Structures are given as C-alpha cells and as structure tokens.
Amino acid sequence: MKHETLCAGYPALTDAMIVSLIDLLGRDSFATDLTTVLEAQFGHPHFHIFLYREKLAPAALASCPDPTSYERGLKNYLTYTYVINPAYRAYRVGKQAGVYMISDFLQNDSQLMIDEHAVDVHIDNSEPIGYRTPGWPKNMAEVIVLINLPNGTALDFSVLTPLGSRQTQDCKRSLEQLFPILNSVLLRQFAINPGSLDAGFTASGQEDRFHDFGGEVLTTREREISQLILMGHSSNSISLNLGISLPTVKTHRRNIYGKLEISSQAELFSLFLLHLK
C-alpha cells in the first residue's frame, strides 16, 4: 500500500500500520499496546479507550499519556458525568459502530444557551455539549470511534483535539480510513482473548438514577425532556428529537424548572449531580 499523507501529522494507513495492529492480536496487554501503536501513527496528545458495560460504570482500559494530566477529570467522568455524555448515551441506545463527533449525537441546529452557575459540572457554552466535567481539559473537541463487541459491551476511543482546529477534521478523516481495519482487529481480538477487552469491577452504573431523576414530581414527558437537556440538547434539538413544537418544549422546560424549584439549566445540572451522589 502506497503511503499517502492526508495532511500534516496525520499520515494515511500503511502496510506497516496494518502489520502493527495484527501483531497485537492475542496479547493480554492489547489495549495498552494499541494506544502505543496509535500514538506512534497519529501523535494524539490525549487519547482514551473507554469500556462501556450495561450494569457497571465505564472503565478506562488505556490512556495516552498515562497517567494523564487531568486525573481528577477522568475520575469524575468515570464516576458521575459519563451518564449524561452523548457518546455513552449513544451506546445505551445501540448506536452502530463508526467514527463520530460529539455533535453527531446531538442533532443541534443552534448553539446551546446555558446560564453560568457554580456547579460540579462546569457550564460552558463554548464547549460542544454545553458543559465540562470538572478537571477535564478546556476547549477540546472529541473524535469518537465506537466499536460494539459481541457481548453487548462497547469500546469508545476518544481522541481529544483543540476545539475549532484543522487538526480535529484531519483526525476524523484519518480515523475513518483506519476504522474498517481497527474494527476487524478488535472483533478478532475479542474472539481470541476477550479478557483483554474487559475490566475488573467498577461501581454500579448510574443508569437507574439517570432515568428516575425528578420522578417524584415530573411527568414522563418532563423527565424525558430533562434527560435531553442534561445530555446537552438545545430546545430546538429537543423539538427535532421528540417531534414536538418549540413552544411546547419551552413550556415543558418552564414547568420542569418550576416543579424542581430551580431557575436555570445550570441549577438543573447541579440538582442532577446531587441526585447521583
């Protein structure tokens, strides 16, 4: 295979890269070694492989660099905020394997409008999903490679690049080219050595807490809308997702805030995290 450069810093797939991936097959240290191969190929500054499981909180199978410079942010994500992360929600609804941007999960057609408020999740409308996990790097875009495994779990390859940079789109194109090979190698690895793509016990998942938030006072529709708000959807996006008018969405939002005795979306985040804890 001829080596061609897609752009500076993101070379196209080569025979040597394919051989390196195949050479990992069967190893107990597969996930860690895979990050080394990908780092050598692409040079990503921040990269994680997350394991999503139905009954448990996610686990980080590998990170690059390891340890990261934002251990607190990583821990907070794995403990709490994953449950409202669009990539995790995509896994929960059975999103097909592929390469995505976070915005691909949101169907937003307008910028999120969020009030500033001192909460554990940092409300920041410069972020693609309107908030940032405490301790997580600021102003970073995420390119997501989602791999579905035969046992109902999934792998989330999250590559962080500077928000708004050419590097993000270059990274996405390179990973789209790599995806068919990476997907095949991972499925083969799972068949040979499934334990290498698993993790030990983590805390019980927060899924039930996500769905019962506001259950004592909110209607089923209001809980559905509050969940979409927490995932980063704007009112316009909620209207598109649920097939209801924008004024109806705004009415539901006012009712949700009134019943929960809050006055802003930021307070909704704060109340939700207190519910999780």
C-alpha atoms as a PDB file:
ATOM      1  CA  MET A   1       0.000   0.000   0.000  1.00  0.00           C
ATOM      2  CA  LYS A   2       1.437   3.314  -1.033  1.00  0.00           C
ATOM      3  CA  HIS A   3       1.990   5.797   1.785  1.00  0.00           C
ATOM      4  CA  GLU A   4      -0.003   8.980   1.187  1.00  0.00           C
ATOM      5  CA  THR A   5      -0.294  11.909   3.531  1.00  0.00           C
ATOM      6  CA  LEU A   6      -3.789  13.176   4.251  1.00  0.00           C
ATOM      7  CA  CYS A   7      -2.398  16.256   5.965  1.00  0.00           C
ATOM      8  CA  ALA A   8       0.469  17.275   8.183  1.00  0.00           C
ATOM      9  CA  GLY A   9       0.673  14.993  11.208  1.00  0.00           C
ATOM     10  CA  TYR A  10      -1.993  12.545  10.018  1.00  0.00           C
ATOM     11  CA  PRO A  11      -0.489  10.024   7.578  1.00  0.00           C
ATOM     12  CA  ALA A  12      -2.728   7.643   5.694  1.00  0.00           C
ATOM     13  CA  LEU A  13      -2.997   3.977   6.554  1.00  0.00           C
ATOM     14  CA  THR A  14       0.080   1.962   5.559  1.00  0.00           C
ATOM     15  CA  ASP A  15       1.020  -1.696   5.342  1.00  0.00           C
ATOM     16  CA  ALA A  16       3.301  -1.182   8.345  1.00  0.00           C
ATOM     17  CA  MET A  17       0.406   0.177  10.393  1.00  0.00           C
ATOM     18  CA  ILE A  18      -1.790  -2.804   9.498  1.00  0.00           C
ATOM     19  CA  VAL A  19       1.003  -5.220  10.391  1.00  0.00           C
ATOM     20  CA  SER A  20       1.480  -3.451  13.728  1.00  0.00           C
ATOM     21  CA  LEU A  21      -2.218  -3.862  14.540  1.00  0.00           C
ATOM     22  CA  ILE A  22      -2.298  -7.525  13.536  1.00  0.00           C
ATOM     23  CA  ASP A  23       0.807  -8.172  15.603  1.00  0.00           C
ATOM     24  CA  LEU A  24      -1.132  -7.170  18.739  1.00  0.00           C
ATOM     25  CA  LEU A  25      -3.669  -9.987  18.364  1.00  0.00           C
ATOM     26  CA  GLY A  26      -3.891 -12.316  21.339  1.00  0.00           C
ATOM     27  CA  ARG A  27      -1.902 -10.179  23.761  1.00  0.00           C
ATOM     28  CA  ASP A  28      -3.133  -9.699  27.325  1.00  0.00           C
ATOM     29  CA  SER A  29      -1.799  -6.136  27.100  1.00  0.00           C
ATOM     30  CA  PHE A  30      -3.705  -5.480  23.872  1.00  0.00           C
ATOM     31  CA  ALA A  31      -5.426  -2.217  24.915  1.00  0.00           C
ATOM     32  CA  THR A  32      -2.283  -0.588  26.298  1.00  0.00           C
ATOM     33  CA  ASP A  33      -0.197  -1.721  23.330  1.00  0.00           C
ATOM     34  CA  LEU A  34      -2.857  -0.443  20.942  1.00  0.00           C
ATOM     35  CA  THR A  35      -2.601   3.065  22.374  1.00  0.00           C
ATOM     36  CA  THR A  36       1.158   2.911  21.774  1.00  0.00           C
ATOM     37  CA  VAL A  37       0.635   1.939  18.132  1.00  0.00           C
ATOM     38  CA  LEU A  38      -1.961   4.660  17.566  1.00  0.00           C
ATOM     39  CA  GLU A  39       0.163   7.281  19.291  1.00  0.00           C
ATOM     40  CA  ALA A  40       3.130   6.368  17.081  1.00  0.00           C
ATOM     41  CA  GLN A  41       0.943   6.655  13.988  1.00  0.00           C
ATOM     42  CA  PHE A  42      -1.049   9.791  14.765  1.00  0.00           C
ATOM     43  CA  GLY A  43       0.672  11.531  17.672  1.00  0.00           C
ATOM     44  CA  HIS A  44      -2.549  12.437  19.501  1.00  0.00           C
ATOM     45  CA  PRO A  45      -1.886  14.439  22.701  1.00  0.00           C
ATOM     46  CA  HIS A  46      -4.863  12.977  24.611  1.00  0.00           C
ATOM     47  CA  PHE A  47      -6.422   9.602  23.900  1.00  0.00           C
ATOM     48  CA  HIS A  48      -8.564   7.151  25.889  1.00  0.00           C
ATOM     49  CA  ILE A  49     -10.132   3.735  25.392  1.00  0.00           C
ATOM     50  CA  PHE A  50     -13.300   3.505  27.491  1.00  0.00           C
ATOM     51  CA  LEU A  51     -15.210   0.279  28.076  1.00  0.00           C
ATOM     52  CA  TYR A  52     -18.985   0.656  28.359  1.00  0.00           C
ATOM     53  CA  ARG A  53     -20.987  -2.063  30.135  1.00  0.00           C
ATOM     54  CA  GLU A  54     -24.697  -2.153  30.817  1.00  0.00           C
ATOM     55  CA  LYS A  55     -24.715  -2.718  34.598  1.00  0.00           C
ATOM     56  CA  LEU A  56     -21.469  -1.036  35.617  1.00  0.00           C
ATOM     57  CA  ALA A  57     -19.860   2.363  35.368  1.00  0.00           C
ATOM     58  CA  PRO A  58     -17.374   2.695  32.498  1.00  0.00           C
ATOM     59  CA  ALA A  59     -13.743   1.695  32.824  1.00  0.00           C
ATOM     60  CA  ALA A  60     -10.691   3.224  31.165  1.00  0.00           C
ATOM     61  CA  LEU A  61      -8.838   0.339  29.520  1.00  0.00           C
ATOM     62  CA  ALA A  62      -5.965   2.581  28.462  1.00  0.00           C
ATOM     63  CA  SER A  63      -4.999   6.237  28.230  1.00  0.00           C
ATOM     64  CA  CYS A  64      -2.339   8.192  26.400  1.00  0.00           C
ATOM     65  CA  PRO A  65      -0.425   9.681  28.015  1.00  0.00           C
ATOM     66  CA  ASP A  66      -0.615   7.535  31.113  1.00  0.00           C
ATOM     67  CA  PRO A  67      -1.065   8.975  33.645  1.00  0.00           C
ATOM     68  CA  THR A  68      -2.946  11.874  32.152  1.00  0.00           C
ATOM     69  CA  SER A  69      -2.508  15.445  33.360  1.00  0.00           C
ATOM     70  CA  TYR A  70      -6.204  15.553  34.310  1.00  0.00           C
ATOM     71  CA  GLU A  71      -6.715  12.522  36.546  1.00  0.00           C
ATOM     72  CA  ARG A  72      -9.441  14.310  38.535  1.00  0.00           C
ATOM     73  CA  GLY A  73     -11.424  14.992  35.390  1.00  0.00           C
ATOM     74  CA  LEU A  74     -11.056  11.404  34.216  1.00  0.00           C
ATOM     75  CA  LYS A  75     -12.188  10.056  37.589  1.00  0.00           C
ATOM     76  CA  ASN A  76     -15.199  12.385  37.680  1.00  0.00           C
ATOM     77  CA  TYR A  77     -16.195  11.293  34.189  1.00  0.00           C
ATOM     78  CA  LEU A  78     -15.946   7.589  35.017  1.00  0.00           C
ATOM     79  CA  THR A  79     -17.841   8.026  38.291  1.00  0.00           C
ATOM     80  CA  TYR A  80     -20.605  10.520  37.517  1.00  0.00           C
ATOM     81  CA  THR A  81     -20.781  12.577  34.360  1.00  0.00           C
ATOM     82  CA  TYR A  82     -20.494   9.695  31.876  1.00  0.00           C
ATOM     83  CA  VAL A  83     -24.202   9.030  32.372  1.00  0.00           C
ATOM     84  CA  ILE A  84     -25.139  12.249  30.551  1.00  0.00           C
ATOM     85  CA  ASN A  85     -22.311  12.108  27.992  1.00  0.00           C
ATOM     86  CA  PRO A  86     -23.658  11.863  24.414  1.00  0.00           C
ATOM     87  CA  ALA A  87     -21.206   9.089  23.466  1.00  0.00           C
ATOM     88  CA  TYR A  88     -22.288   6.918  26.392  1.00  0.00           C
ATOM     89  CA  ARG A  89     -25.944   7.647  25.640  1.00  0.00           C
ATOM     90  CA  ALA A  90     -25.286   6.577  22.028  1.00  0.00           C
ATOM     91  CA  TYR A  91     -24.014   3.239  23.334  1.00  0.00           C
ATOM     92  CA  ARG A  92     -27.100   2.859  25.511  1.00  0.00           C
ATOM     93  CA  VAL A  93     -29.428   3.241  22.516  1.00  0.00           C
ATOM     94  CA  GLY A  94     -27.432   0.857  20.317  1.00  0.00           C
ATOM     95  CA  LYS A  95     -25.678   3.323  18.007  1.00  0.00           C
ATOM     96  CA  GLN A  96     -23.902   1.476  15.218  1.00  0.00           C
ATOM     97  CA  ALA A  97     -20.118   1.297  15.190  1.00  0.00           C
ATOM     98  CA  GLY A  98     -18.347   4.122  13.413  1.00  0.00           C
ATOM     99  CA  VAL A  99     -16.436   7.387  13.705  1.00  0.00           C
ATOM    100  CA  TYR A 100     -18.318  10.340  15.171  1.00  0.00           C
ATOM    101  CA  MET A 101     -18.035  13.845  16.511  1.00  0.00           C
ATOM    102  CA  ILE A 102     -19.918  14.593  19.743  1.00  0.00           C
ATOM    103  CA  SER A 103     -22.163  16.906  17.710  1.00  0.00           C
ATOM    104  CA  ASP A 104     -23.285  13.908  15.632  1.00  0.00           C
ATOM    105  CA  PHE A 105     -25.152  12.607  18.690  1.00  0.00           C
ATOM    106  CA  LEU A 106     -26.933  15.871  19.477  1.00  0.00           C
ATOM    107  CA  GLN A 107     -28.741  16.941  16.287  1.00  0.00           C
ATOM    108  CA  ASN A 108     -28.318  20.528  17.407  1.00  0.00           C
ATOM    109  CA  ASP A 109     -29.187  23.273  14.941  1.00  0.00           C
ATOM    110  CA  SER A 110     -28.294  26.169  17.196  1.00  0.00           C
ATOM    111  CA  GLN A 111     -25.749  26.997  19.843  1.00  0.00           C
ATOM    112  CA  LEU A 112     -26.619  25.912  23.354  1.00  0.00           C
ATOM    113  CA  MET A 113     -27.825  28.729  25.591  1.00  0.00           C
ATOM    114  CA  ILE A 114     -26.813  27.969  29.149  1.00  0.00           C
ATOM    115  CA  ASP A 115     -26.661  30.147  32.260  1.00  0.00           C
ATOM    116  CA  GLU A 116     -23.429  30.367  34.195  1.00  0.00           C
ATOM    117  CA  HIS A 117     -23.662  28.834  37.654  1.00  0.00           C
ATOM    118  CA  ALA A 118     -21.225  27.409  40.223  1.00  0.00           C
ATOM    119  CA  VAL A 119     -21.860  23.660  39.965  1.00  0.00           C
ATOM    120  CA  ASP A 120     -19.775  20.496  39.869  1.00  0.00           C
ATOM    121  CA  VAL A 121     -20.282  20.285  36.116  1.00  0.00           C
ATOM    122  CA  HIS A 122     -18.786  23.429  34.624  1.00  0.00           C
ATOM    123  CA  ILE A 123     -21.430  25.073  32.465  1.00  0.00           C
ATOM    124  CA  ASP A 124     -19.627  26.482  29.439  1.00  0.00           C
ATOM    125  CA  ASN A 125     -21.364  27.319  26.165  1.00  0.00           C
ATOM    126  CA  SER A 126     -18.031  27.279  24.343  1.00  0.00           C
ATOM    127  CA  GLU A 127     -17.972  23.501  24.853  1.00  0.00           C
ATOM    128  CA  PRO A 128     -19.673  21.318  22.195  1.00  0.00           C
ATOM    129  CA  ILE A 129     -22.129  19.836  24.730  1.00  0.00           C
ATOM    130  CA  GLY A 130     -22.524  22.943  26.889  1.00  0.00           C
ATOM    131  CA  TYR A 131     -20.701  21.650  29.948  1.00  0.00           C
ATOM    132  CA  ARG A 132     -17.339  20.281  31.008  1.00  0.00           C
ATOM    133  CA  THR A 133     -16.522  17.600  33.548  1.00  0.00           C
ATOM    134  CA  PRO A 134     -14.514  19.138  36.439  1.00  0.00           C
ATOM    135  CA  GLY A 135     -10.807  18.712  35.785  1.00  0.00           C
ATOM    136  CA  TRP A 136     -11.297  17.850  32.098  1.00  0.00           C
ATOM    137  CA  PRO A 137      -9.216  19.867  29.578  1.00  0.00           C
ATOM    138  CA  LYS A 138     -10.929  23.025  28.342  1.00  0.00           C
ATOM    139  CA  ASN A 139     -11.948  23.715  24.759  1.00  0.00           C
ATOM    140  CA  MET A 140     -11.207  20.264  23.390  1.00  0.00           C
ATOM    141  CA  ALA A 141     -13.166  18.548  20.636  1.00  0.00           C
ATOM    142  CA  GLU A 142     -13.608  14.779  20.797  1.00  0.00           C
ATOM    143  CA  VAL A 143     -13.443  12.427  17.857  1.00  0.00           C
ATOM    144  CA  ILE A 144     -15.168   9.202  18.904  1.00  0.00           C
ATOM    145  CA  VAL A 145     -14.572   5.743  17.457  1.00  0.00           C
ATOM    146  CA  LEU A 146     -17.366   3.488  18.685  1.00  0.00           C
ATOM    147  CA  ILE A 147     -16.811  -0.299  18.496  1.00  0.00           C
ATOM    148  CA  ASN A 148     -19.618  -2.679  19.501  1.00  0.00           C
ATOM    149  CA  LEU A 149     -18.488  -6.042  20.900  1.00  0.00           C
ATOM    150  CA  PRO A 150     -20.481  -9.312  20.635  1.00  0.00           C
ATOM    151  CA  ASN A 151     -21.170  -9.497  24.398  1.00  0.00           C
ATOM    152  CA  GLY A 152     -23.180  -6.249  24.463  1.00  0.00           C
ATOM    153  CA  THR A 153     -20.328  -4.051  25.655  1.00  0.00           C
ATOM    154  CA  ALA A 154     -18.740  -1.293  23.585  1.00  0.00           C
ATOM    155  CA  LEU A 155     -15.407   0.459  23.262  1.00  0.00           C
ATOM    156  CA  ASP A 156     -15.229   4.234  22.978  1.00  0.00           C
ATOM    157  CA  PHE A 157     -11.963   5.512  21.513  1.00  0.00           C
ATOM    158  CA  SER A 158     -11.959   9.208  22.474  1.00  0.00           C
ATOM    159  CA  VAL A 159      -9.353  11.402  20.819  1.00  0.00           C
ATOM    160  CA  LEU A 160      -9.133  14.969  22.114  1.00  0.00           C
ATOM    161  CA  THR A 161      -8.038  17.725  19.742  1.00  0.00           C
ATOM    162  CA  PRO A 162      -8.116  21.530  20.058  1.00  0.00           C
ATOM    163  CA  LEU A 163     -11.657  22.807  19.539  1.00  0.00           C
ATOM    164  CA  GLY A 164     -12.128  24.545  16.205  1.00  0.00           C
ATOM    165  CA  SER A 165      -8.768  23.440  14.826  1.00  0.00           C
ATOM    166  CA  ARG A 166      -7.995  21.833  11.475  1.00  0.00           C
ATOM    167  CA  GLN A 167      -6.466  19.007  13.484  1.00  0.00           C
ATOM    168  CA  THR A 168      -9.941  17.818  14.508  1.00  0.00           C
ATOM    169  CA  GLN A 169     -11.213  17.247  10.966  1.00  0.00           C
ATOM    170  CA  ASP A 170      -7.857  15.795   9.891  1.00  0.00           C
ATOM    171  CA  CYS A 171      -8.032  13.384  12.814  1.00  0.00           C
ATOM    172  CA  LYS A 172     -11.587  12.371  11.913  1.00  0.00           C
ATOM    173  CA  ARG A 173     -10.653  11.643   8.286  1.00  0.00           C
ATOM    174  CA  SER A 174      -7.653   9.558   9.353  1.00  0.00           C
ATOM    175  CA  LEU A 175      -9.712   7.547  11.837  1.00  0.00           C
ATOM    176  CA  GLU A 176     -12.437   6.986   9.246  1.00  0.00           C
ATOM    177  CA  GLN A 177      -9.805   5.486   6.985  1.00  0.00           C
ATOM    178  CA  LEU A 178      -8.490   3.331   9.828  1.00  0.00           C
ATOM    179  CA  PHE A 179     -11.919   2.266  11.098  1.00  0.00           C
ATOM    180  CA  PRO A 180     -12.579  -0.882   8.979  1.00  0.00           C
ATOM    181  CA  ILE A 181      -9.213  -2.363   9.941  1.00  0.00           C
ATOM    182  CA  LEU A 182      -9.462  -1.307  13.587  1.00  0.00           C
ATOM    183  CA  ASN A 183     -12.986  -2.708  13.891  1.00  0.00           C
ATOM    184  CA  SER A 184     -11.952  -6.049  12.371  1.00  0.00           C
ATOM    185  CA  VAL A 185      -8.849  -6.325  14.559  1.00  0.00           C
ATOM    186  CA  LEU A 186     -10.834  -5.599  17.729  1.00  0.00           C
ATOM    187  CA  LEU A 187     -13.524  -8.149  16.896  1.00  0.00           C
ATOM    188  CA  ARG A 188     -10.824 -10.725  16.196  1.00  0.00           C
ATOM    189  CA  GLN A 189      -9.054  -9.872  19.458  1.00  0.00           C
ATOM    190  CA  PHE A 190     -12.329 -10.323  21.336  1.00  0.00           C
ATOM    191  CA  ALA A 191     -12.739 -13.778  19.784  1.00  0.00           C
ATOM    192  CA  ILE A 192      -9.180 -14.786  20.717  1.00  0.00           C
ATOM    193  CA  ASN A 193      -8.746 -13.118  24.115  1.00  0.00           C
ATOM    194  CA  PRO A 194     -11.956 -11.485  25.390  1.00  0.00           C
ATOM    195  CA  GLY A 195     -10.436 -10.831  28.812  1.00  0.00           C
ATOM    196  CA  SER A 196      -8.053  -8.302  27.265  1.00  0.00           C
ATOM    197  CA  LEU A 197     -11.054  -6.128  26.354  1.00  0.00           C
ATOM    198  CA  ASP A 198     -12.693  -6.345  29.764  1.00  0.00           C
ATOM    199  CA  ALA A 199     -12.057  -4.704  33.097  1.00  0.00           C
ATOM    200  CA  GLY A 200     -12.457  -5.522  36.743  1.00  0.00           C
ATOM    201  CA  PHE A 201     -15.403  -4.484  38.864  1.00  0.00           C
ATOM    202  CA  THR A 202     -16.298  -0.808  38.808  1.00  0.00           C
ATOM    203  CA  ALA A 203     -19.057   0.967  40.689  1.00  0.00           C
ATOM    204  CA  SER A 204     -22.614   0.075  39.809  1.00  0.00           C
ATOM    205  CA  GLY A 205     -23.881   2.064  36.869  1.00  0.00           C
ATOM    206  CA  GLN A 206     -25.896   5.251  37.318  1.00  0.00           C
ATOM    207  CA  GLU A 207     -28.453   4.345  34.638  1.00  0.00           C
ATOM    208  CA  ASP A 208     -31.374   3.896  37.037  1.00  0.00           C
ATOM    209  CA  ARG A 209     -30.546   7.200  38.699  1.00  0.00           C
ATOM    210  CA  PHE A 210     -30.490   8.880  35.303  1.00  0.00           C
ATOM    211  CA  HIS A 211     -33.975   7.658  34.440  1.00  0.00           C
ATOM    212  CA  ASP A 212     -35.619   8.273  37.825  1.00  0.00           C
ATOM    213  CA  PHE A 213     -34.356  11.844  38.215  1.00  0.00           C
ATOM    214  CA  GLY A 214     -37.347  14.027  39.061  1.00  0.00           C
ATOM    215  CA  GLY A 215     -39.617  11.007  39.164  1.00  0.00           C
ATOM    216  CA  GLU A 216     -41.499  12.173  42.252  1.00  0.00           C
ATOM    217  CA  VAL A 217     -42.662  15.443  40.715  1.00  0.00           C
ATOM    218  CA  LEU A 218     -42.128  15.328  36.922  1.00  0.00           C
ATOM    219  CA  THR A 219     -44.338  13.668  34.338  1.00  0.00           C
ATOM    220  CA  THR A 220     -42.917  11.029  31.991  1.00  0.00           C
ATOM    221  CA  ARG A 221     -42.577  13.609  29.195  1.00  0.00           C
ATOM    222  CA  GLU A 222     -40.930  16.123  31.529  1.00  0.00           C
ATOM    223  CA  ARG A 223     -38.398  13.513  32.661  1.00  0.00           C
ATOM    224  CA  GLU A 224     -37.670  12.715  29.009  1.00  0.00           C
ATOM    225  CA  ILE A 225     -37.053  16.379  28.248  1.00  0.00           C
ATOM    226  CA  SER A 226     -34.925  16.912  31.354  1.00  0.00           C
ATOM    227  CA  GLN A 227     -32.745  13.960  30.279  1.00  0.00           C
ATOM    228  CA  LEU A 228     -32.201  15.511  26.857  1.00  0.00           C
ATOM    229  CA  ILE A 229     -31.328  18.842  28.476  1.00  0.00           C
ATOM    230  CA  LEU A 230     -28.757  17.104  30.686  1.00  0.00           C
ATOM    231  CA  MET A 231     -27.250  15.423  27.617  1.00  0.00           C
ATOM    232  CA  GLY A 232     -26.622  18.837  26.056  1.00  0.00           C
ATOM    233  CA  HIS A 233     -29.575  19.215  23.689  1.00  0.00           C
ATOM    234  CA  SER A 234     -30.905  22.684  22.950  1.00  0.00           C
ATOM    235  CA  SER A 235     -34.637  23.366  22.875  1.00  0.00           C
ATOM    236  CA  ASN A 236     -34.541  23.211  19.072  1.00  0.00           C
ATOM    237  CA  SER A 237     -32.772  19.851  19.208  1.00  0.00           C
ATOM    238  CA  ILE A 238     -35.342  18.509  21.696  1.00  0.00           C
ATOM    239  CA  SER A 239     -38.108  19.656  19.358  1.00  0.00           C
ATOM    240  CA  LEU A 240     -36.492  17.757  16.469  1.00  0.00           C
ATOM    241  CA  ASN A 241     -35.825  14.624  18.541  1.00  0.00           C
ATOM    242  CA  LEU A 242     -39.297  14.362  20.035  1.00  0.00           C
ATOM    243  CA  GLY A 243     -41.300  15.728  17.116  1.00  0.00           C
ATOM    244  CA  ILE A 244     -42.970  18.450  19.169  1.00  0.00           C
ATOM    245  CA  SER A 245     -43.125  22.195  18.602  1.00  0.00           C
ATOM    246  CA  LEU A 246     -40.535  24.578  20.013  1.00  0.00           C
ATOM    247  CA  PRO A 247     -43.143  26.491  22.107  1.00  0.00           C
ATOM    248  CA  THR A 248     -44.225  23.150  23.614  1.00  0.00           C
ATOM    249  CA  VAL A 249     -40.632  22.368  24.558  1.00  0.00           C
ATOM    250  CA  LYS A 250     -40.256  25.788  26.198  1.00  0.00           C
ATOM    251  CA  THR A 251     -43.475  25.276  28.135  1.00  0.00           C
ATOM    252  CA  HIS A 252     -42.216  21.908  29.391  1.00  0.00           C
ATOM    253  CA  ARG A 253     -38.912  23.492  30.422  1.00  0.00           C
ATOM    254  CA  ARG A 254     -40.692  26.175  32.447  1.00  0.00           C
ATOM    255  CA  ASN A 255     -42.807  23.510  34.126  1.00  0.00           C
ATOM    256  CA  ILE A 256     -39.738  21.381  34.900  1.00  0.00           C
ATOM    257  CA  TYR A 257     -37.925  24.314  36.495  1.00  0.00           C
ATOM    258  CA  GLY A 258     -40.999  25.277  38.469  1.00  0.00           C
ATOM    259  CA  LYS A 259     -41.644  21.789  39.819  1.00  0.00           C
ATOM    260  CA  LEU A 260     -37.960  21.317  40.747  1.00  0.00           C
ATOM    261  CA  GLU A 261     -37.861  24.824  42.277  1.00  0.00           C
ATOM    262  CA  ILE A 262     -34.928  25.955  40.163  1.00  0.00           C
ATOM    263  CA  SER A 263     -34.490  28.841  37.733  1.00  0.00           C
ATOM    264  CA  SER A 264     -31.754  27.821  35.271  1.00  0.00           C
ATOM    265  CA  GLN A 265     -30.290  24.946  33.310  1.00  0.00           C
ATOM    266  CA  ALA A 266     -27.140  25.173  35.395  1.00  0.00           C
ATOM    267  CA  GLU A 267     -29.173  24.532  38.539  1.00  0.00           C
ATOM    268  CA  LEU A 268     -30.684  21.515  36.788  1.00  0.00           C
ATOM    269  CA  PHE A 269     -27.164  20.096  36.333  1.00  0.00           C
ATOM    270  CA  SER A 270     -26.365  20.795  39.975  1.00  0.00           C
ATOM    271  CA  LEU A 271     -29.547  19.133  41.194  1.00  0.00           C
ATOM    272  CA  PHE A 272     -28.937  16.105  38.985  1.00  0.00           C
ATOM    273  CA  LEU A 273     -25.396  15.570  40.309  1.00  0.00           C
ATOM    274  CA  LEU A 274     -26.672  15.787  43.876  1.00  0.00           C
ATOM    275  CA  HIS A 275     -29.217  13.110  42.858  1.00  0.00           C
ATOM    276  CA  LEU A 276     -26.393  10.871  41.585  1.00  0.00           C
ATOM    277  CA  LYS A 277     -24.303  11.301  44.715  1.00  0.00           C
END
